[in-house]
Amino acid sequence: MKSSNEFSENSQTSASNTRRNVLVFVAIIIVCLCAVRLLAPAIVEKGKNVVKPHSPYLVSAEAQALHESLTIMDWHGDSLLWDRDLAKRSNYGHMDLPRMQEGNVAVQMFTTVTKAPAGMNLSENNADARDNITLLSMVQAWPASTWTSLKARALYQSARLHRLANEHPQSLRIIKTRSELANGLADRVENPNLILGLVGAEGGHALEGDIEALDELHNAGFRMIGLQHFFDNELGGSLHGYSKAGLSDFGRQVVVRMNQLNMIIDVSHSSEKVVRDVLALSTRPLVVSHTGIRGYCDSERNIPDDLMKQIADNGGIVAVGIWKEAICNDSPSGIAKGIKYGIDLLGENHISLGTDFDGAVTTAFDVSEIATLTDALLKEGLSREQIGKVMGGNGVRFLMENLPTR
């Protein structure tokens, strides 16, 4: 028979073993969580933002000199969604400040993605499907408010860009007004590495059905909002949603208020009915920030040519994308041919670039190699003036005419 001391010693040993096992288990969980936090975001992005393997592009001396003389502007880049330090040159993804400087990018619209339903496709998406951005925000350790609020996600990404500009003022400056754009372009003469950034939202669902949230986003620096993304929302139907409906009453309120605030309306993912409704309602020209043109690339990603013509006739901008679903032939030559088709259809004053870099797309080049597109446009027979307009001149002119004056 065991003594009471032996029972006590055995109990203490058992308790000690239990505590040790619990601590080991907790340590394993912590290590696993840290590994997920450190490794998962990069793994996910490497599978989403792909650059096709290729030999170095050969850019003629004439094209390179022309490219370096241009003011390059891109209407759509989703880099703020991903867990990378955009101040450092990365070996994956499409875009960061050093690579933008290598590509001579002057003006960039940084768009904020706030929702992406599982199984996302070009035909029909359920707005109630599991949202991939919720999980991504958790894995990337965004603030807890962003785990449940789409508006919080948009504001967080905007704040991230503003913080980047504050930390690297010689490389990035946030632009909100016409005078700030003009001053920034003048400063680039002395500092060609300066990038002028604007903030946009990919989808009006970031407003969460609250018209007052529009002013909140405007005050946070947002100057462009795409009304829809890949699913129907409170503003109306998506090109890729179920309803294909037009503007809702709330959507009409948003369009009117955006006009009042001099905010740019982007209809890249809007249903055909929404586009027609906005054309009838808006007093200001529209932008299609990243798209292909249906007559060149017969894809569900692109709205019909007749709507593109109406947008251009009203002074709007059509920004041509560089990924396969939008342009069909995503080689530099294929993109150049798509741009030429756009010029022939809409006129040389209405075509711009809308790369969708870092937008979960596969491209033939990253932003550091964008001079290869200038080279392809020259080979396609475009004039130097036309290339200057497409590569940035048209976009800058549009901003100078449509950004707030103060």
Protein backbone atom coordinates (compact mmCIF):
# COMPACT_ATOMS: atom_id res chain seq x y z
CA MET A 1 0.00 0.00 0.00
CA LYS A 2 1.34 3.46 -1.06
CA SER A 3 1.90 6.12 1.53
CA SER A 4 0.26 9.54 1.36
CA ASN A 5 3.63 11.01 0.41
CA GLU A 6 3.87 8.69 -2.57
CA PHE A 7 0.34 9.66 -3.69
CA SER A 8 1.27 13.33 -3.34
CA GLU A 9 4.47 12.91 -5.33
CA ASN A 10 2.65 11.03 -8.08
CA SER A 11 -0.04 13.72 -8.23
CA GLN A 12 2.54 16.45 -8.46
CA THR A 13 4.40 14.58 -11.20
CA SER A 14 1.16 14.04 -13.12
CA ALA A 15 0.19 17.71 -12.79
CA SER A 16 3.67 18.76 -13.89
CA ASN A 17 3.47 16.51 -16.94
CA THR A 18 0.05 17.89 -17.82
CA ARG A 19 1.29 21.49 -17.57
CA ARG A 20 4.32 20.63 -19.69
CA ASN A 21 2.15 18.97 -22.32
CA VAL A 22 -0.20 21.96 -22.40
CA LEU A 23 2.74 24.35 -22.79
CA VAL A 24 4.19 22.24 -25.59
CA PHE A 25 0.81 22.17 -27.33
CA VAL A 26 0.42 25.95 -26.96
CA ALA A 27 3.96 26.47 -28.27
CA ILE A 28 3.20 24.31 -31.30
CA ILE A 29 0.02 26.31 -31.98
CA ILE A 30 1.94 29.59 -31.70
CA VAL A 31 4.66 28.34 -34.03
CA CYS A 32 2.03 27.20 -36.54
CA LEU A 33 0.21 30.54 -36.38
CA CYS A 34 3.48 32.42 -36.85
CA ALA A 35 4.33 30.21 -39.83
CA VAL A 36 0.91 30.89 -41.36
CA ARG A 37 1.33 34.62 -40.78
CA LEU A 38 4.83 34.71 -42.27
CA LEU A 39 4.50 32.24 -45.13
CA ALA A 40 0.86 31.98 -46.20
CA PRO A 41 0.37 35.52 -47.66
CA ALA A 42 3.39 35.18 -49.95
CA ILE A 43 2.37 31.67 -50.99
CA VAL A 44 -1.15 32.85 -51.82
CA GLU A 45 0.04 35.86 -53.79
CA LYS A 46 2.65 33.93 -55.75
CA GLY A 47 -0.19 31.76 -56.99
CA LYS A 48 -2.42 34.72 -57.86
CA ASN A 49 -0.24 37.52 -59.26
CA VAL A 50 1.79 35.62 -61.82
CA VAL A 51 4.22 36.87 -64.45
CA LYS A 52 4.64 34.39 -67.27
CA PRO A 53 8.20 33.10 -67.57
CA HIS A 54 9.92 34.79 -70.50
CA SER A 55 13.26 35.76 -71.91
CA PRO A 56 14.21 39.43 -71.46
CA TYR A 57 12.19 41.63 -73.80
CA LEU A 58 14.23 43.43 -76.45
CA VAL A 59 13.22 47.10 -76.48
CA SER A 60 14.64 49.22 -79.28
CA ALA A 61 16.70 52.29 -78.42
CA GLU A 62 14.05 54.45 -80.09
CA ALA A 63 11.26 52.93 -78.00
CA GLN A 64 13.25 53.16 -74.77
CA ALA A 65 14.06 56.83 -75.36
CA LEU A 66 10.42 57.54 -76.18
CA HIS A 67 9.23 55.66 -73.09
CA GLU A 68 11.55 57.62 -70.82
CA SER A 69 10.17 60.88 -72.23
CA LEU A 70 6.53 59.96 -71.52
CA THR A 71 4.30 60.55 -68.51
CA ILE A 72 3.12 57.00 -67.78
CA MET A 73 -0.21 56.53 -66.00
CA ASP A 74 -2.03 53.34 -64.98
CA TRP A 75 -5.68 53.47 -63.94
CA HIS A 76 -5.83 50.27 -61.89
CA GLY A 77 -3.47 48.40 -59.54
CA ASP A 78 -4.47 46.24 -56.55
CA SER A 79 -1.13 46.11 -54.73
CA LEU A 80 -2.58 47.39 -51.44
CA LEU A 81 -4.42 44.11 -50.99
CA TRP A 82 -1.24 42.11 -50.46
CA ASP A 83 1.16 41.69 -47.55
CA ARG A 84 4.27 43.11 -49.21
CA ASP A 85 6.39 46.12 -48.33
CA LEU A 86 5.80 48.20 -51.45
CA ALA A 87 8.87 50.28 -50.67
CA LYS A 88 11.09 47.28 -51.42
CA ARG A 89 11.67 45.53 -54.73
CA SER A 90 10.05 42.11 -54.63
CA ASN A 91 10.72 39.05 -56.77
CA TYR A 92 7.03 38.20 -57.01
CA GLY A 93 3.81 40.04 -57.75
CA HIS A 94 3.62 42.74 -60.40
CA MET A 95 4.23 46.10 -58.78
CA ASP A 96 6.12 47.97 -56.04
CA LEU A 97 7.74 51.40 -55.89
CA PRO A 98 11.21 50.35 -57.11
CA ARG A 99 9.77 48.44 -60.08
CA MET A 100 7.41 51.31 -60.87
CA GLN A 101 10.41 53.65 -60.93
CA GLU A 102 12.23 51.26 -63.27
CA GLY A 103 9.18 51.38 -65.55
CA ASN A 104 9.02 55.21 -65.39
CA VAL A 105 5.49 55.19 -63.95
CA ALA A 106 4.45 58.73 -63.02
CA VAL A 107 0.80 58.38 -61.94
CA GLN A 108 -0.85 55.30 -60.42
CA MET A 109 -4.41 54.69 -59.28
CA PHE A 110 -4.13 52.33 -56.29
CA THR A 111 -7.43 50.51 -55.97
CA THR A 112 -8.75 48.88 -52.79
CA VAL A 113 -10.34 45.43 -53.01
CA THR A 114 -12.77 44.64 -50.20
CA LYS A 115 -14.70 41.52 -51.23
CA ALA A 116 -14.17 38.57 -53.58
CA PRO A 117 -16.63 35.65 -53.47
CA ALA A 118 -15.34 32.09 -53.57
CA GLY A 119 -15.53 30.53 -57.02
CA MET A 120 -15.27 33.92 -58.70
CA ASN A 121 -15.97 33.73 -62.45
CA LEU A 122 -16.96 35.93 -65.38
CA SER A 123 -20.57 34.72 -65.71
CA GLU A 124 -22.49 34.58 -62.42
CA ASN A 125 -21.32 35.12 -58.86
CA ASN A 126 -23.29 34.84 -55.66
CA ALA A 127 -22.80 37.87 -53.44
CA ASP A 128 -23.52 35.66 -50.41
CA ALA A 129 -20.78 33.12 -51.19
CA ARG A 130 -17.84 32.81 -48.81
CA ASP A 131 -15.68 35.91 -49.07
CA ASN A 132 -11.99 35.26 -49.75
CA ILE A 133 -10.89 38.70 -48.54
CA THR A 134 -12.19 37.96 -45.04
CA LEU A 135 -9.74 35.08 -44.66
CA LEU A 136 -6.96 37.04 -46.34
CA SER A 137 -7.42 39.97 -43.93
CA MET A 138 -7.13 37.58 -40.98
CA VAL A 139 -4.09 35.73 -42.30
CA GLN A 140 -2.34 39.04 -43.05
CA ALA A 141 -3.12 40.28 -39.50
CA TRP A 142 -5.12 43.32 -40.59
CA PRO A 143 -6.95 45.15 -37.78
CA ALA A 144 -9.85 43.17 -36.35
CA SER A 145 -12.32 45.78 -37.64
CA THR A 146 -11.48 44.74 -41.20
CA TRP A 147 -12.53 41.15 -40.56
CA THR A 148 -16.20 42.13 -40.61
CA SER A 149 -16.41 45.56 -42.26
CA LEU A 150 -15.90 46.23 -45.97
CA LYS A 151 -15.60 49.96 -45.34
CA ALA A 152 -12.91 49.31 -42.74
CA ARG A 153 -10.98 47.30 -45.33
CA ALA A 154 -11.09 50.17 -47.82
CA LEU A 155 -10.03 52.71 -45.19
CA TYR A 156 -7.23 50.46 -43.94
CA GLN A 157 -5.77 50.09 -47.43
CA SER A 158 -5.98 53.84 -48.01
CA ALA A 159 -4.25 54.48 -44.69
CA ARG A 160 -1.56 52.01 -45.67
CA LEU A 161 -0.84 53.95 -48.87
CA HIS A 162 -0.77 57.26 -46.99
CA ARG A 163 1.67 55.76 -44.47
CA LEU A 164 3.89 54.56 -47.31
CA ALA A 165 3.92 58.06 -48.79
CA ASN A 166 4.76 59.63 -45.42
CA GLU A 167 7.65 57.22 -44.95
CA HIS A 168 9.01 57.64 -48.50
CA PRO A 169 8.16 61.19 -49.62
CA GLN A 170 10.79 61.20 -52.37
CA SER A 171 9.22 58.11 -53.95
CA LEU A 172 5.46 58.50 -53.44
CA ARG A 173 3.04 61.40 -53.05
CA ILE A 174 -0.73 61.09 -52.67
CA ILE A 175 -2.71 63.26 -55.09
CA LYS A 176 -6.24 64.50 -54.31
CA THR A 177 -6.68 67.70 -56.33
CA ARG A 178 -5.83 69.19 -59.71
CA SER A 179 -3.25 71.55 -58.23
CA GLU A 180 -1.55 68.71 -56.35
CA LEU A 181 -1.32 66.77 -59.61
CA ALA A 182 0.12 69.75 -61.46
CA ASN A 183 2.67 70.42 -58.72
CA GLY A 184 3.62 66.77 -58.55
CA LEU A 185 4.21 66.54 -62.29
CA ALA A 186 6.36 69.68 -62.11
CA ASP A 187 8.39 68.18 -59.25
CA ARG A 188 9.04 65.05 -61.30
CA VAL A 189 11.25 67.14 -63.58
CA GLU A 190 13.79 67.32 -60.74
CA ASN A 191 12.87 63.96 -59.21
CA PRO A 192 11.79 61.49 -61.92
CA ASN A 193 11.54 58.74 -59.28
CA LEU A 194 8.52 60.46 -57.71
CA ILE A 195 5.30 58.50 -58.17
CA LEU A 196 1.97 60.30 -57.83
CA GLY A 197 -0.60 57.99 -56.29
CA LEU A 198 -4.39 58.22 -56.18
CA VAL A 199 -6.80 56.06 -54.18
CA GLY A 200 -9.77 54.24 -55.67
CA ALA A 201 -12.25 51.59 -54.53
CA GLU A 202 -13.12 48.46 -56.47
CA GLY A 203 -16.83 48.23 -55.77
CA GLY A 204 -19.41 50.44 -54.05
CA HIS A 205 -20.17 47.66 -51.55
CA ALA A 206 -17.43 49.32 -49.46
CA LEU A 207 -20.09 51.94 -48.65
CA GLU A 208 -22.12 49.22 -46.89
CA GLY A 209 -25.37 50.80 -48.06
CA ASP A 210 -24.68 54.10 -46.25
CA ILE A 211 -24.57 57.26 -48.39
CA GLU A 212 -22.70 59.12 -45.63
CA ALA A 213 -19.86 56.62 -46.03
CA LEU A 214 -19.18 58.15 -49.45
CA ASP A 215 -18.12 61.42 -47.83
CA GLU A 216 -16.04 59.43 -45.34
CA LEU A 217 -14.15 57.73 -48.16
CA HIS A 218 -13.76 61.05 -49.98
CA ASN A 219 -12.27 62.60 -46.85
CA ALA A 220 -9.89 59.63 -46.59
CA GLY A 221 -8.51 60.45 -50.04
CA PHE A 222 -10.63 58.30 -52.35
CA ARG A 223 -11.06 59.91 -55.75
CA MET A 224 -12.50 57.06 -57.83
CA ILE A 225 -15.04 54.34 -57.03
CA GLY A 226 -16.00 51.39 -59.20
CA LEU A 227 -19.72 50.89 -58.67
CA GLN A 228 -19.56 47.09 -58.76
CA HIS A 229 -17.04 44.25 -58.65
CA PHE A 230 -17.76 40.60 -59.45
CA PHE A 231 -21.19 40.46 -57.78
CA ASP A 232 -24.40 42.43 -57.44
CA ASN A 233 -24.38 44.94 -54.58
CA GLU A 234 -26.52 47.63 -52.99
CA LEU A 235 -25.88 49.97 -55.94
CA GLY A 236 -27.06 47.62 -58.69
CA GLY A 237 -26.15 44.71 -60.92
CA SER A 238 -22.70 43.47 -61.81
CA LEU A 239 -21.60 42.36 -65.27
CA HIS A 240 -20.75 39.10 -63.50
CA GLY A 241 -23.69 38.91 -61.07
CA TYR A 242 -27.03 37.12 -61.14
CA SER A 243 -29.49 39.94 -61.72
CA LYS A 244 -27.81 41.98 -64.51
CA ALA A 245 -30.02 44.75 -63.09
CA GLY A 246 -29.60 48.49 -63.46
CA LEU A 247 -28.94 51.12 -60.80
CA SER A 248 -30.86 50.78 -57.55
CA ASP A 249 -32.28 53.83 -55.78
CA PHE A 250 -29.20 53.78 -53.56
CA GLY A 251 -26.99 53.53 -56.63
CA ARG A 252 -28.64 56.64 -58.05
CA GLN A 253 -27.98 58.49 -54.79
CA VAL A 254 -24.33 57.47 -54.99
CA VAL A 255 -23.94 58.65 -58.60
CA VAL A 256 -25.47 62.04 -57.79
CA ARG A 257 -23.31 62.49 -54.69
CA MET A 258 -20.15 61.41 -56.54
CA ASN A 259 -20.88 64.06 -59.16
CA GLN A 260 -21.21 66.65 -56.40
CA LEU A 261 -17.90 65.58 -54.84
CA ASN A 262 -16.04 65.46 -58.19
CA MET A 263 -15.34 61.77 -57.62
CA ILE A 264 -14.63 59.65 -60.69
CA ILE A 265 -17.19 56.94 -61.50
CA ASP A 266 -15.69 53.67 -62.72
CA VAL A 267 -18.00 51.18 -64.47
CA SER A 268 -15.43 48.42 -65.13
CA HIS A 269 -17.52 45.62 -63.60
CA SER A 270 -20.98 47.16 -63.93
CA SER A 271 -23.84 45.46 -65.77
CA GLU A 272 -24.83 46.84 -69.15
CA LYS A 273 -28.01 48.26 -67.58
CA VAL A 274 -26.01 50.00 -64.85
CA VAL A 275 -23.72 51.55 -67.46
CA ARG A 276 -26.71 52.83 -69.45
CA ASP A 277 -28.35 54.18 -66.29
CA VAL A 278 -25.17 55.98 -65.22
CA LEU A 279 -24.67 57.46 -68.69
CA ALA A 280 -28.20 58.86 -68.50
CA LEU A 281 -27.82 60.19 -64.95
CA SER A 282 -24.25 61.38 -64.52
CA THR A 283 -23.30 64.94 -65.37
CA ARG A 284 -19.62 63.97 -65.52
CA PRO A 285 -17.64 61.63 -67.80
CA LEU A 286 -17.03 58.02 -66.81
CA VAL A 287 -13.97 55.78 -66.66
CA VAL A 288 -13.65 52.08 -67.40
CA SER A 289 -10.50 51.61 -65.33
CA HIS A 290 -9.44 48.12 -66.50
CA THR A 291 -11.10 46.37 -69.39
CA GLY A 292 -10.85 44.90 -72.84
CA ILE A 293 -12.99 45.88 -75.81
CA ARG A 294 -15.59 43.32 -76.88
CA GLY A 295 -15.02 43.79 -80.63
CA TYR A 296 -11.36 42.84 -80.19
CA CYS A 297 -11.75 40.29 -77.41
CA ASP A 298 -15.20 38.68 -77.24
CA SER A 299 -15.08 38.00 -73.50
CA GLU A 300 -17.74 38.19 -70.80
CA ARG A 301 -15.28 40.47 -69.01
CA ASN A 302 -15.96 43.28 -71.51
CA ILE A 303 -19.03 45.44 -72.11
CA PRO A 304 -20.19 45.87 -75.75
CA ASP A 305 -18.59 48.34 -78.13
CA ASP A 306 -21.72 50.51 -78.37
CA LEU A 307 -21.49 51.30 -74.66
CA MET A 308 -17.79 52.02 -75.00
CA LYS A 309 -18.65 54.50 -77.77
CA GLN A 310 -21.20 56.25 -75.57
CA ILE A 311 -18.66 56.52 -72.74
CA ALA A 312 -16.08 58.01 -75.12
CA ASP A 313 -18.63 60.34 -76.75
CA ASN A 314 -19.39 61.73 -73.27
CA GLY A 315 -15.70 62.50 -72.71
CA GLY A 316 -14.85 59.31 -70.86
CA ILE A 317 -11.76 57.11 -70.68
CA VAL A 318 -11.46 53.41 -71.54
CA ALA A 319 -8.36 51.93 -69.90
CA VAL A 320 -7.23 48.76 -71.68
CA GLY A 321 -6.05 45.83 -69.59
CA ILE A 322 -3.15 43.46 -70.21
CA TRP A 323 -4.41 40.07 -68.96
CA LYS A 324 -5.88 37.29 -71.08
CA GLU A 325 -9.52 37.42 -69.92
CA ALA A 326 -9.74 41.06 -71.03
CA ILE A 327 -7.42 41.27 -74.02
CA CYS A 328 -7.44 37.62 -75.27
CA ASN A 329 -3.88 37.87 -76.65
CA ASP A 330 -1.85 39.02 -73.64
CA SER A 331 1.52 39.25 -75.40
CA PRO A 332 2.94 42.78 -75.79
CA SER A 333 2.04 42.61 -79.49
CA GLY A 334 -1.49 41.39 -78.73
CA ILE A 335 -2.04 44.17 -76.20
CA ALA A 336 -0.76 46.75 -78.70
CA LYS A 337 -3.22 45.43 -81.30
CA GLY A 338 -6.05 45.72 -78.75
CA ILE A 339 -5.07 49.31 -78.01
CA LYS A 340 -4.99 50.12 -81.72
CA TYR A 341 -8.47 48.60 -82.08
CA GLY A 342 -9.61 50.87 -79.25
CA ILE A 343 -8.15 53.94 -80.93
CA ASP A 344 -9.83 53.06 -84.22
CA LEU A 345 -13.15 52.54 -82.42
CA LEU A 346 -13.16 55.37 -79.88
CA GLY A 347 -10.51 57.85 -80.95
CA GLU A 348 -6.99 58.43 -79.70
CA ASN A 349 -8.13 60.78 -76.92
CA HIS A 350 -10.12 58.14 -75.04
CA ILE A 351 -7.77 55.16 -74.60
CA SER A 352 -5.54 54.66 -71.56
CA LEU A 353 -3.82 51.86 -69.63
CA GLY A 354 -5.59 49.84 -66.93
CA THR A 355 -3.16 47.01 -66.19
CA ASP A 356 -4.88 45.42 -63.16
CA PHE A 357 -1.40 44.66 -61.83
CA ASP A 358 -1.57 42.62 -58.59
CA GLY A 359 -5.27 42.01 -59.24
CA ALA A 360 -5.03 38.19 -59.11
CA VAL A 361 -4.21 38.05 -62.81
CA THR A 362 -1.45 36.53 -64.93
CA THR A 363 0.50 38.94 -67.13
CA ALA A 364 3.29 38.74 -69.69
CA PHE A 365 5.40 41.35 -67.88
CA ASP A 366 5.54 43.29 -64.62
CA VAL A 367 5.59 47.05 -64.23
CA SER A 368 9.37 47.30 -64.51
CA GLU A 369 9.11 45.95 -68.07
CA ILE A 370 6.30 48.19 -69.29
CA ALA A 371 8.59 49.84 -71.86
CA THR A 372 8.06 46.66 -73.90
CA LEU A 373 4.50 47.90 -74.50
CA THR A 374 5.78 51.23 -75.82
CA ASP A 375 8.02 49.22 -78.14
CA ALA A 376 5.06 47.09 -79.28
CA LEU A 377 2.93 50.17 -79.94
CA LEU A 378 5.67 51.63 -82.14
CA LYS A 379 5.88 48.36 -84.06
CA GLU A 380 2.08 48.41 -84.45
CA GLY A 381 2.40 51.70 -86.30
CA LEU A 382 1.08 54.17 -83.72
CA SER A 383 2.55 57.65 -83.85
CA ARG A 384 4.66 59.00 -81.01
CA GLU A 385 1.81 61.39 -80.15
CA GLN A 386 -0.73 58.57 -80.00
CA ILE A 387 1.56 56.48 -77.81
CA GLY A 388 2.06 59.43 -75.47
CA LYS A 389 -1.69 59.81 -75.10
CA VAL A 390 -2.35 56.12 -74.48
CA MET A 391 0.54 55.59 -72.07
CA GLY A 392 -0.52 58.45 -69.82
CA GLY A 393 -1.37 61.70 -71.54
CA ASN A 394 -5.09 61.00 -71.81
CA GLY A 395 -5.31 59.91 -68.19
CA VAL A 396 -3.48 62.96 -66.87
CA ARG A 397 -5.64 65.27 -68.96
CA PHE A 398 -8.79 63.59 -67.65
CA LEU A 399 -7.61 63.98 -64.05
CA MET A 400 -6.76 67.65 -64.60
CA GLU A 401 -10.30 68.18 -65.88
CA ASN A 402 -12.16 66.07 -63.32
CA LEU A 403 -10.34 65.97 -59.98
CA PRO A 404 -11.58 68.40 -57.32
CA THR A 405 -10.07 71.85 -57.61
CA ARG A 406 -9.21 71.82 -53.91
